[in-house]
Amino acid sequence: MVVSEAMIDNTRIIIASMYLDVNRLLDIDILKIEATIAHAKGAGIIIVMDSNSRSTSWHNILTNRRGKMLEEFLMSKQLHILNEESCLTTFWSSGGTTTLT
């Protein structure tokens, strides 16, 4: 996880880039996201992540357990998903693909 803070026209913005390891409990990463939100305290916040989860909310073909947990957390914090549907893939394996968003 990398977090950066910027000031743009007297507006404080927190930008976080996160990788959520599929082999780590999602609850641990959710605590990190919560800590980042708490640090922002009224600032704008942008979180960019590779969540290693699947959800139709970010244009995957299905929603898995991790995806459902992450969806519910994001909704509870009133965070918005800004992925756009795309036919381009950035990752492919026997386990699935990731689309460029």
PDB file of N, CA and C in Angstrom:
ATOM      1  N   MET A   1       0.842  -1.172   0.000  1.00  0.00           N
ATOM      2  CA  MET A   1       0.000   0.000   0.000  1.00  0.00           C
ATOM      3  C   MET A   1       0.885   1.232   0.000  1.00  0.00           C
ATOM      4  N   VAL A   2       0.526   2.180  -0.863  1.00  0.00           N
ATOM      5  CA  VAL A   2       1.217   3.455  -0.919  1.00  0.00           C
ATOM      6  C   VAL A   2       0.160   4.542  -0.795  1.00  0.00           C
ATOM      7  N   VAL A   3       0.401   5.511   0.085  1.00  0.00           N
ATOM      8  CA  VAL A   3      -0.546   6.605   0.283  1.00  0.00           C
ATOM      9  C   VAL A   3       0.186   7.914   0.053  1.00  0.00           C
ATOM     10  N   SER A   4      -0.455   8.798  -0.691  1.00  0.00           N
ATOM     11  CA  SER A   4       0.116  10.109  -0.985  1.00  0.00           C
ATOM     12  C   SER A   4      -0.921  11.179  -0.649  1.00  0.00           C
ATOM     13  N   GLU A   5      -0.429  12.328  -0.267  1.00  0.00           N
ATOM     14  CA  GLU A   5      -1.316  13.452   0.037  1.00  0.00           C
ATOM     15  C   GLU A   5      -0.961  14.616  -0.876  1.00  0.00           C
ATOM     16  N   ALA A   6      -1.985  15.247  -1.428  1.00  0.00           N
ATOM     17  CA  ALA A   6      -1.758  16.394  -2.320  1.00  0.00           C
ATOM     18  C   ALA A   6      -2.692  17.531  -1.922  1.00  0.00           C
ATOM     19  N   MET A   7      -2.255  18.740  -2.165  1.00  0.00           N
ATOM     20  CA  MET A   7      -3.089  19.924  -1.978  1.00  0.00           C
ATOM     21  C   MET A   7      -3.337  20.527  -3.352  1.00  0.00           C
ATOM     22  N   ILE A   8      -4.604  20.654  -3.709  1.00  0.00           N
ATOM     23  CA  ILE A   8      -4.972  21.248  -4.995  1.00  0.00           C
ATOM     24  C   ILE A   8      -5.981  22.343  -4.695  1.00  0.00           C
ATOM     25  N   ASP A   9      -5.590  23.600  -4.950  1.00  0.00           N
ATOM     26  CA  ASP A   9      -6.472  24.745  -4.688  1.00  0.00           C
ATOM     27  C   ASP A   9      -7.065  24.691  -3.286  1.00  0.00           C
ATOM     28  N   ASN A  10      -6.220  24.541  -2.283  1.00  0.00           N
ATOM     29  CA  ASN A  10      -6.623  24.481  -0.872  1.00  0.00           C
ATOM     30  C   ASN A  10      -7.516  23.284  -0.533  1.00  0.00           C
ATOM     31  N   THR A  11      -7.530  22.274  -1.399  1.00  0.00           N
ATOM     32  CA  THR A  11      -8.278  21.051  -1.136  1.00  0.00           C
ATOM     33  C   THR A  11      -7.287  19.915  -0.917  1.00  0.00           C
ATOM     34  N   ARG A  12      -7.398  19.264   0.231  1.00  0.00           N
ATOM     35  CA  ARG A  12      -6.511  18.147   0.563  1.00  0.00           C
ATOM     36  C   ARG A  12      -7.087  16.869  -0.038  1.00  0.00           C
ATOM     37  N   ILE A  13      -6.254  16.135  -0.767  1.00  0.00           N
ATOM     38  CA  ILE A  13      -6.672  14.891  -1.407  1.00  0.00           C
ATOM     39  C   ILE A  13      -5.697  13.788  -1.002  1.00  0.00           C
ATOM     40  N   ILE A  14      -6.266  12.666  -0.567  1.00  0.00           N
ATOM     41  CA  ILE A  14      -5.478  11.484  -0.229  1.00  0.00           C
ATOM     42  C   ILE A  14      -5.649  10.491  -1.371  1.00  0.00           C
ATOM     43  N   ILE A  15      -4.526   9.985  -1.881  1.00  0.00           N
ATOM     44  CA  ILE A  15      -4.561   8.987  -2.953  1.00  0.00           C
ATOM     45  C   ILE A  15      -3.840   7.748  -2.438  1.00  0.00           C
ATOM     46  N   ALA A  16      -4.545   6.612  -2.461  1.00  0.00           N
ATOM     47  CA  ALA A  16      -3.964   5.366  -1.970  1.00  0.00           C
ATOM     48  C   ALA A  16      -3.980   4.330  -3.087  1.00  0.00           C
ATOM     49  N   SER A  17      -2.875   3.625  -3.233  1.00  0.00           N
ATOM     50  CA  SER A  17      -2.782   2.515  -4.167  1.00  0.00           C
ATOM     51  C   SER A  17      -2.599   1.254  -3.329  1.00  0.00           C
ATOM     52  N   MET A  18      -3.494   0.272  -3.528  1.00  0.00           N
ATOM     53  CA  MET A  18      -3.477  -0.916  -2.687  1.00  0.00           C
ATOM     54  C   MET A  18      -3.483  -2.197  -3.514  1.00  0.00           C
ATOM     55  N   TYR A  19      -2.753  -3.175  -3.031  1.00  0.00           N
ATOM     56  CA  TYR A  19      -2.805  -4.533  -3.568  1.00  0.00           C
ATOM     57  C   TYR A  19      -3.329  -5.424  -2.454  1.00  0.00           C
ATOM     58  N   LEU A  20      -4.446  -6.100  -2.685  1.00  0.00           N
ATOM     59  CA  LEU A  20      -5.031  -6.980  -1.690  1.00  0.00           C
ATOM     60  C   LEU A  20      -4.679  -8.420  -2.060  1.00  0.00           C
ATOM     61  N   ASP A  21      -3.758  -8.989  -1.323  1.00  0.00           N
ATOM     62  CA  ASP A  21      -3.262 -10.332  -1.605  1.00  0.00           C
ATOM     63  C   ASP A  21      -4.379 -11.356  -1.423  1.00  0.00           C
ATOM     64  N   VAL A  22      -4.601 -12.178  -2.431  1.00  0.00           N
ATOM     65  CA  VAL A  22      -5.654 -13.189  -2.395  1.00  0.00           C
ATOM     66  C   VAL A  22      -5.419 -14.207  -1.276  1.00  0.00           C
ATOM     67  N   ASN A  23      -4.177 -14.361  -0.822  1.00  0.00           N
ATOM     68  CA  ASN A  23      -3.853 -15.326   0.236  1.00  0.00           C
ATOM     69  C   ASN A  23      -3.942 -14.737   1.642  1.00  0.00           C
ATOM     70  N   ARG A  24      -4.305 -13.452   1.740  1.00  0.00           N
ATOM     71  CA  ARG A  24      -4.444 -12.797   3.040  1.00  0.00           C
ATOM     72  C   ARG A  24      -5.933 -12.587   3.302  1.00  0.00           C
ATOM     73  N   LEU A  25      -6.340 -12.686   4.546  1.00  0.00           N
ATOM     74  CA  LEU A  25      -7.733 -12.443   4.890  1.00  0.00           C
ATOM     75  C   LEU A  25      -8.138 -11.037   4.483  1.00  0.00           C
ATOM     76  N   LEU A  26      -9.270 -10.907   3.825  1.00  0.00           N
ATOM     77  CA  LEU A  26      -9.759  -9.605   3.378  1.00  0.00           C
ATOM     78  C   LEU A  26      -9.989  -8.663   4.554  1.00  0.00           C
ATOM     79  N   ASP A  27     -10.351  -9.209   5.707  1.00  0.00           N
ATOM     80  CA  ASP A  27     -10.582  -8.379   6.892  1.00  0.00           C
ATOM     81  C   ASP A  27      -9.355  -7.540   7.248  1.00  0.00           C
ATOM     82  N   ILE A  28      -8.180  -8.085   7.049  1.00  0.00           N
ATOM     83  CA  ILE A  28      -6.939  -7.348   7.348  1.00  0.00           C
ATOM     84  C   ILE A  28      -6.816  -6.143   6.426  1.00  0.00           C
ATOM     85  N   ASP A  29      -7.097  -6.332   5.139  1.00  0.00           N
ATOM     86  CA  ASP A  29      -7.012  -5.222   4.184  1.00  0.00           C
ATOM     87  C   ASP A  29      -8.126  -4.198   4.415  1.00  0.00           C
ATOM     88  N   ILE A  30      -9.292  -4.661   4.826  1.00  0.00           N
ATOM     89  CA  ILE A  30     -10.380  -3.723   5.123  1.00  0.00           C
ATOM     90  C   ILE A  30      -9.978  -2.816   6.280  1.00  0.00           C
ATOM     91  N   LEU A  31      -9.263  -3.349   7.271  1.00  0.00           N
ATOM     92  CA  LEU A  31      -8.774  -2.507   8.370  1.00  0.00           C
ATOM     93  C   LEU A  31      -7.817  -1.437   7.858  1.00  0.00           C
ATOM     94  N   LYS A  32      -6.982  -1.779   6.873  1.00  0.00           N
ATOM     95  CA  LYS A  32      -6.063  -0.800   6.283  1.00  0.00           C
ATOM     96  C   LYS A  32      -6.828   0.290   5.530  1.00  0.00           C
ATOM     97  N   ILE A  33      -7.881  -0.115   4.817  1.00  0.00           N
ATOM     98  CA  ILE A  33      -8.695   0.868   4.104  1.00  0.00           C
ATOM     99  C   ILE A  33      -9.372   1.791   5.104  1.00  0.00           C
ATOM    100  N   GLU A  34      -9.909   1.227   6.189  1.00  0.00           N
ATOM    101  CA  GLU A  34     -10.547   2.037   7.231  1.00  0.00           C
ATOM    102  C   GLU A  34      -9.565   3.027   7.838  1.00  0.00           C
ATOM    103  N   ALA A  35      -8.333   2.596   8.083  1.00  0.00           N
ATOM    104  CA  ALA A  35      -7.310   3.488   8.640  1.00  0.00           C
ATOM    105  C   ALA A  35      -7.002   4.626   7.674  1.00  0.00           C
ATOM    106  N   THR A  36      -6.974   4.331   6.390  1.00  0.00           N
ATOM    107  CA  THR A  36      -6.722   5.358   5.379  1.00  0.00           C
ATOM    108  C   THR A  36      -7.866   6.367   5.353  1.00  0.00           C
ATOM    109  N   ILE A  37      -9.095   5.888   5.425  1.00  0.00           N
ATOM    110  CA  ILE A  37     -10.256   6.777   5.457  1.00  0.00           C
ATOM    111  C   ILE A  37     -10.217   7.651   6.704  1.00  0.00           C
ATOM    112  N   ALA A  38      -9.863   7.065   7.846  1.00  0.00           N
ATOM    113  CA  ALA A  38      -9.771   7.831   9.096  1.00  0.00           C
ATOM    114  C   ALA A  38      -8.697   8.902   8.988  1.00  0.00           C
ATOM    115  N   HIS A  39      -7.582   8.581   8.353  1.00  0.00           N
ATOM    116  CA  HIS A  39      -6.499   9.550   8.164  1.00  0.00           C
ATOM    117  C   HIS A  39      -6.963  10.721   7.292  1.00  0.00           C
ATOM    118  N   ALA A  40      -7.796  10.435   6.318  1.00  0.00           N
ATOM    119  CA  ALA A  40      -8.255  11.470   5.387  1.00  0.00           C
ATOM    120  C   ALA A  40      -9.095  12.534   6.099  1.00  0.00           C
ATOM    121  N   LYS A  41      -9.885  12.186   7.076  1.00  0.00           N
ATOM    122  CA  LYS A  41     -10.707  13.115   7.876  1.00  0.00           C
ATOM    123  C   LYS A  41     -11.195  14.317   7.094  1.00  0.00           C
ATOM    124  N   GLY A  42     -12.171  14.109   6.235  1.00  0.00           N
ATOM    125  CA  GLY A  42     -12.777  15.223   5.519  1.00  0.00           C
ATOM    126  C   GLY A  42     -12.085  15.603   4.221  1.00  0.00           C
ATOM    127  N   ALA A  43     -10.925  15.039   3.960  1.00  0.00           N
ATOM    128  CA  ALA A  43     -10.237  15.306   2.691  1.00  0.00           C
ATOM    129  C   ALA A  43     -10.892  14.455   1.603  1.00  0.00           C
ATOM    130  N   GLY A  44     -10.650  14.805   0.364  1.00  0.00           N
ATOM    131  CA  GLY A  44     -11.054  13.941  -0.732  1.00  0.00           C
ATOM    132  C   GLY A  44     -10.187  12.692  -0.695  1.00  0.00           C
ATOM    133  N   ILE A  45     -10.736  11.577  -1.097  1.00  0.00           N
ATOM    134  CA  ILE A  45      -9.954  10.341  -1.073  1.00  0.00           C
ATOM    135  C   ILE A  45     -10.204   9.540  -2.351  1.00  0.00           C
ATOM    136  N   ILE A  46      -9.111   9.062  -2.924  1.00  0.00           N
ATOM    137  CA  ILE A  46      -9.159   8.188  -4.094  1.00  0.00           C
ATOM    138  C   ILE A  46      -8.371   6.939  -3.727  1.00  0.00           C
ATOM    139  N   ILE A  47      -9.018   5.790  -3.864  1.00  0.00           N
ATOM    140  CA  ILE A  47      -8.352   4.519  -3.581  1.00  0.00           C
ATOM    141  C   ILE A  47      -8.340   3.707  -4.869  1.00  0.00           C
ATOM    142  N   VAL A  48      -7.148   3.352  -5.304  1.00  0.00           N
ATOM    143  CA  VAL A  48      -6.969   2.529  -6.501  1.00  0.00           C
ATOM    144  C   VAL A  48      -6.478   1.182  -6.005  1.00  0.00           C
ATOM    145  N   MET A  49      -7.138   0.100  -6.441  1.00  0.00           N
ATOM    146  CA  MET A  49      -6.711  -1.187  -5.894  1.00  0.00           C
ATOM    147  C   MET A  49      -6.849  -2.344  -6.868  1.00  0.00           C
ATOM    148  N   ASP A  50      -5.965  -3.304  -6.655  1.00  0.00           N
ATOM    149  CA  ASP A  50      -6.106  -4.638  -7.218  1.00  0.00           C
ATOM    150  C   ASP A  50      -6.620  -5.460  -6.051  1.00  0.00           C
ATOM    151  N   SER A  51      -7.920  -5.745  -6.047  1.00  0.00           N
ATOM    152  CA  SER A  51      -8.544  -6.365  -4.879  1.00  0.00           C
ATOM    153  C   SER A  51      -8.492  -7.884  -4.881  1.00  0.00           C
ATOM    154  N   ASN A  52      -8.078  -8.483  -5.986  1.00  0.00           N
ATOM    155  CA  ASN A  52      -8.110  -9.947  -6.094  1.00  0.00           C
ATOM    156  C   ASN A  52      -9.458 -10.491  -5.633  1.00  0.00           C
ATOM    157  N   SER A  53     -10.506  -9.812  -6.067  1.00  0.00           N
ATOM    158  CA  SER A  53     -11.860 -10.255  -5.787  1.00  0.00           C
ATOM    159  C   SER A  53     -12.688 -10.031  -7.041  1.00  0.00           C
ATOM    160  N   ARG A  54     -13.790 -10.728  -7.113  1.00  0.00           N
ATOM    161  CA  ARG A  54     -14.629 -10.629  -8.302  1.00  0.00           C
ATOM    162  C   ARG A  54     -15.990 -10.081  -7.911  1.00  0.00           C
ATOM    163  N   SER A  55     -16.492  -9.148  -8.741  1.00  0.00           N
ATOM    164  CA  SER A  55     -17.808  -8.580  -8.490  1.00  0.00           C
ATOM    165  C   SER A  55     -18.379  -8.001  -9.774  1.00  0.00           C
ATOM    166  N   THR A  56     -19.652  -8.219  -9.963  1.00  0.00           N
ATOM    167  CA  THR A  56     -20.314  -7.596 -11.104  1.00  0.00           C
ATOM    168  C   THR A  56     -20.345  -6.076 -10.932  1.00  0.00           C
ATOM    169  N   SER A  57     -20.145  -5.587  -9.708  1.00  0.00           N
ATOM    170  CA  SER A  57     -20.094  -4.133  -9.469  1.00  0.00           C
ATOM    171  C   SER A  57     -18.926  -3.482 -10.198  1.00  0.00           C
ATOM    172  N   TRP A  58     -17.840  -4.238 -10.418  1.00  0.00           N
ATOM    173  CA  TRP A  58     -16.730  -3.703 -11.203  1.00  0.00           C
ATOM    174  C   TRP A  58     -16.559  -4.493 -12.496  1.00  0.00           C
ATOM    175  N   HIS A  59     -17.698  -4.933 -13.043  1.00  0.00           N
ATOM    176  CA  HIS A  59     -17.834  -5.500 -14.381  1.00  0.00           C
ATOM    177  C   HIS A  59     -17.199  -6.870 -14.562  1.00  0.00           C
ATOM    178  N   ASN A  60     -17.073  -7.636 -13.482  1.00  0.00           N
ATOM    179  CA  ASN A  60     -16.661  -9.015 -13.609  1.00  0.00           C
ATOM    180  C   ASN A  60     -17.892  -9.827 -13.995  1.00  0.00           C
ATOM    181  N   ILE A  61     -17.694 -11.041 -14.478  1.00  0.00           N
ATOM    182  CA  ILE A  61     -18.841 -11.839 -14.903  1.00  0.00           C
ATOM    183  C   ILE A  61     -19.568 -12.486 -13.718  1.00  0.00           C
ATOM    184  N   LEU A  62     -18.934 -12.497 -12.540  1.00  0.00           N
ATOM    185  CA  LEU A  62     -19.564 -13.063 -11.352  1.00  0.00           C
ATOM    186  C   LEU A  62     -19.073 -12.338 -10.108  1.00  0.00           C
ATOM    187  N   THR A  63     -19.727 -12.611  -9.000  1.00  0.00           N
ATOM    188  CA  THR A  63     -19.317 -12.060  -7.716  1.00  0.00           C
ATOM    189  C   THR A  63     -18.941 -13.222  -6.801  1.00  0.00           C
ATOM    190  N   ASN A  64     -17.719 -13.192  -6.255  1.00  0.00           N
ATOM    191  CA  ASN A  64     -17.317 -14.231  -5.309  1.00  0.00           C
ATOM    192  C   ASN A  64     -17.445 -13.688  -3.879  1.00  0.00           C
ATOM    193  N   ARG A  65     -17.110 -14.523  -2.907  1.00  0.00           N
ATOM    194  CA  ARG A  65     -17.263 -14.142  -1.502  1.00  0.00           C
ATOM    195  C   ARG A  65     -16.453 -12.893  -1.163  1.00  0.00           C
ATOM    196  N   ARG A  66     -15.197 -12.838  -1.617  1.00  0.00           N
ATOM    197  CA  ARG A  66     -14.361 -11.651  -1.358  1.00  0.00           C
ATOM    198  C   ARG A  66     -14.978 -10.413  -1.995  1.00  0.00           C
ATOM    199  N   GLY A  67     -15.490 -10.569  -3.210  1.00  0.00           N
ATOM    200  CA  GLY A  67     -16.113  -9.445  -3.894  1.00  0.00           C
ATOM    201  C   GLY A  67     -17.324  -8.932  -3.139  1.00  0.00           C
ATOM    202  N   LYS A  68     -18.153  -9.844  -2.631  1.00  0.00           N
ATOM    203  CA  LYS A  68     -19.347  -9.449  -1.874  1.00  0.00           C
ATOM    204  C   LYS A  68     -18.949  -8.709  -0.593  1.00  0.00           C
ATOM    205  N   MET A  69     -17.943  -9.225   0.096  1.00  0.00           N
ATOM    206  CA  MET A  69     -17.474  -8.561   1.325  1.00  0.00           C
ATOM    207  C   MET A  69     -16.975  -7.152   1.025  1.00  0.00           C
ATOM    208  N   LEU A  70     -16.195  -7.021  -0.051  1.00  0.00           N
ATOM    209  CA  LEU A  70     -15.649  -5.720  -0.404  1.00  0.00           C
ATOM    210  C   LEU A  70     -16.750  -4.764  -0.853  1.00  0.00           C
ATOM    211  N   GLU A  71     -17.701  -5.258  -1.645  1.00  0.00           N
ATOM    212  CA  GLU A  71     -18.856  -4.442  -2.053  1.00  0.00           C
ATOM    213  C   GLU A  71     -19.570  -3.868  -0.833  1.00  0.00           C
ATOM    214  N   GLU A  72     -19.879  -4.747   0.136  1.00  0.00           N
ATOM    215  CA  GLU A  72     -20.611  -4.315   1.331  1.00  0.00           C
ATOM    216  C   GLU A  72     -19.825  -3.290   2.132  1.00  0.00           C
ATOM    217  N   PHE A  73     -18.507  -3.487   2.236  1.00  0.00           N
ATOM    218  CA  PHE A  73     -17.683  -2.519   2.948  1.00  0.00           C
ATOM    219  C   PHE A  73     -17.698  -1.164   2.237  1.00  0.00           C
ATOM    220  N   LEU A  74     -17.486  -1.177   0.930  1.00  0.00           N
ATOM    221  CA  LEU A  74     -17.457   0.080   0.174  1.00  0.00           C
ATOM    222  C   LEU A  74     -18.775   0.836   0.303  1.00  0.00           C
ATOM    223  N   MET A  75     -19.882   0.109   0.233  1.00  0.00           N
ATOM    224  CA  MET A  75     -21.189   0.746   0.390  1.00  0.00           C
ATOM    225  C   MET A  75     -21.361   1.318   1.794  1.00  0.00           C
ATOM    226  N   SER A  76     -20.883   0.602   2.798  1.00  0.00           N
ATOM    227  CA  SER A  76     -21.033   1.072   4.179  1.00  0.00           C
ATOM    228  C   SER A  76     -20.248   2.362   4.423  1.00  0.00           C
ATOM    229  N   LYS A  77     -19.201   2.574   3.657  1.00  0.00           N
ATOM    230  CA  LYS A  77     -18.371   3.788   3.790  1.00  0.00           C
ATOM    231  C   LYS A  77     -18.750   4.854   2.768  1.00  0.00           C
ATOM    232  N   GLN A  78     -19.812   4.594   2.011  1.00  0.00           N
ATOM    233  CA  GLN A  78     -20.301   5.502   0.971  1.00  0.00           C
ATOM    234  C   GLN A  78     -19.207   5.851  -0.044  1.00  0.00           C
ATOM    235  N   LEU A  79     -18.411   4.827  -0.405  1.00  0.00           N
ATOM    236  CA  LEU A  79     -17.388   4.974  -1.438  1.00  0.00           C
ATOM    237  C   LEU A  79     -17.992   4.527  -2.767  1.00  0.00           C
ATOM    238  N   HIS A  80     -17.550   5.109  -3.842  1.00  0.00           N
ATOM    239  CA  HIS A  80     -18.108   4.839  -5.159  1.00  0.00           C
ATOM    240  C   HIS A  80     -17.084   4.128  -6.031  1.00  0.00           C
ATOM    241  N   ILE A  81     -17.538   3.130  -6.764  1.00  0.00           N
ATOM    242  CA  ILE A  81     -16.694   2.380  -7.694  1.00  0.00           C
ATOM    243  C   ILE A  81     -16.745   3.089  -9.039  1.00  0.00           C
ATOM    244  N   LEU A  82     -15.576   3.396  -9.594  1.00  0.00           N
ATOM    245  CA  LEU A  82     -15.523   4.153 -10.840  1.00  0.00           C
ATOM    246  C   LEU A  82     -15.001   3.353 -12.023  1.00  0.00           C
ATOM    247  N   ASN A  83     -14.923   2.033 -11.882  1.00  0.00           N
ATOM    248  CA  ASN A  83     -14.483   1.206 -13.015  1.00  0.00           C
ATOM    249  C   ASN A  83     -15.432   1.372 -14.190  1.00  0.00           C
ATOM    250  N   GLU A  84     -14.869   1.305 -15.365  1.00  0.00           N
ATOM    251  CA  GLU A  84     -15.664   1.325 -16.588  1.00  0.00           C
ATOM    252  C   GLU A  84     -15.513  -0.020 -17.277  1.00  0.00           C
ATOM    253  N   GLU A  85     -16.604  -0.491 -17.855  1.00  0.00           N
ATOM    254  CA  GLU A  85     -16.562  -1.767 -18.557  1.00  0.00           C
ATOM    255  C   GLU A  85     -15.625  -1.661 -19.765  1.00  0.00           C
ATOM    256  N   SER A  86     -14.861  -2.727 -20.014  1.00  0.00           N
ATOM    257  CA  SER A  86     -13.905  -2.730 -21.118  1.00  0.00           C
ATOM    258  C   SER A  86     -13.728  -4.154 -21.632  1.00  0.00           C
ATOM    259  N   CYS A  87     -13.418  -4.280 -22.908  1.00  0.00           N
ATOM    260  CA  CYS A  87     -13.128  -5.601 -23.473  1.00  0.00           C
ATOM    261  C   CYS A  87     -11.627  -5.892 -23.415  1.00  0.00           C
ATOM    262  N   LEU A  88     -10.827  -4.928 -22.998  1.00  0.00           N
ATOM    263  CA  LEU A  88      -9.378  -5.113 -22.902  1.00  0.00           C
ATOM    264  C   LEU A  88      -9.030  -5.840 -21.612  1.00  0.00           C
ATOM    265  N   THR A  89      -8.098  -6.788 -21.679  1.00  0.00           N
ATOM    266  CA  THR A  89      -7.652  -7.479 -20.478  1.00  0.00           C
ATOM    267  C   THR A  89      -6.217  -7.093 -20.153  1.00  0.00           C
ATOM    268  N   THR A  90      -5.928  -7.000 -18.847  1.00  0.00           N
ATOM    269  CA  THR A  90      -4.571  -6.692 -18.403  1.00  0.00           C
ATOM    270  C   THR A  90      -3.905  -7.904 -17.766  1.00  0.00           C
ATOM    271  N   PHE A  91      -4.706  -8.942 -17.504  1.00  0.00           N
ATOM    272  CA  PHE A  91      -4.178 -10.154 -16.884  1.00  0.00           C
ATOM    273  C   PHE A  91      -5.012 -11.328 -17.352  1.00  0.00           C
ATOM    274  N   TRP A  92      -4.345 -12.455 -17.628  1.00  0.00           N
ATOM    275  CA  TRP A  92      -5.053 -13.663 -18.019  1.00  0.00           C
ATOM    276  C   TRP A  92      -4.330 -14.861 -17.438  1.00  0.00           C
ATOM    277  N   SER A  93      -5.098 -15.785 -16.847  1.00  0.00           N
ATOM    278  CA  SER A  93      -4.560 -17.062 -16.381  1.00  0.00           C
ATOM    279  C   SER A  93      -5.695 -18.079 -16.401  1.00  0.00           C
ATOM    280  N   SER A  94      -5.391 -19.294 -16.017  1.00  0.00           N
ATOM    281  CA  SER A  94      -6.432 -20.317 -15.972  1.00  0.00           C
ATOM    282  C   SER A  94      -7.494 -19.977 -14.927  1.00  0.00           C
ATOM    283  N   GLY A  95      -7.139 -19.109 -13.965  1.00  0.00           N
ATOM    284  CA  GLY A  95      -8.079 -18.711 -12.923  1.00  0.00           C
ATOM    285  C   GLY A  95      -9.003 -17.590 -13.317  1.00  0.00           C
ATOM    286  N   GLY A  96      -8.723 -16.935 -14.442  1.00  0.00           N
ATOM    287  CA  GLY A  96      -9.583 -15.850 -14.882  1.00  0.00           C
ATOM    288  C   GLY A  96      -8.821 -14.722 -15.548  1.00  0.00           C
ATOM    289  N   THR A  97      -9.523 -13.648 -15.817  1.00  0.00           N
ATOM    290  CA  THR A  97      -8.917 -12.486 -16.461  1.00  0.00           C
ATOM    291  C   THR A  97      -9.263 -11.231 -15.673  1.00  0.00           C
ATOM    292  N   THR A  98      -8.498 -10.192 -15.904  1.00  0.00           N
ATOM    293  CA  THR A  98      -8.761  -8.887 -15.337  1.00  0.00           C
ATOM    294  C   THR A  98      -8.933  -7.924 -16.498  1.00  0.00           C
ATOM    295  N   THR A  99      -9.940  -7.079 -16.420  1.00  0.00           N
ATOM    296  CA  THR A  99     -10.157  -6.110 -17.488  1.00  0.00           C
ATOM    297  C   THR A  99      -9.499  -4.789 -17.159  1.00  0.00           C
ATOM    298  N   LEU A 100      -9.077  -4.107 -18.182  1.00  0.00           N
ATOM    299  CA  LEU A 100      -8.483  -2.786 -18.059  1.00  0.00           C
ATOM    300  C   LEU A 100      -9.599  -1.803 -17.751  1.00  0.00           C
ATOM    301  N   THR A 101      -9.459  -1.080 -16.651  1.00  0.00           N
ATOM    302  CA  THR A 101     -10.471  -0.100 -16.266  1.00  0.00           C
ATOM    303  C   THR A 101      -9.840   1.223 -15.945  1.00  0.00           C
TER     304      THR A 101
END
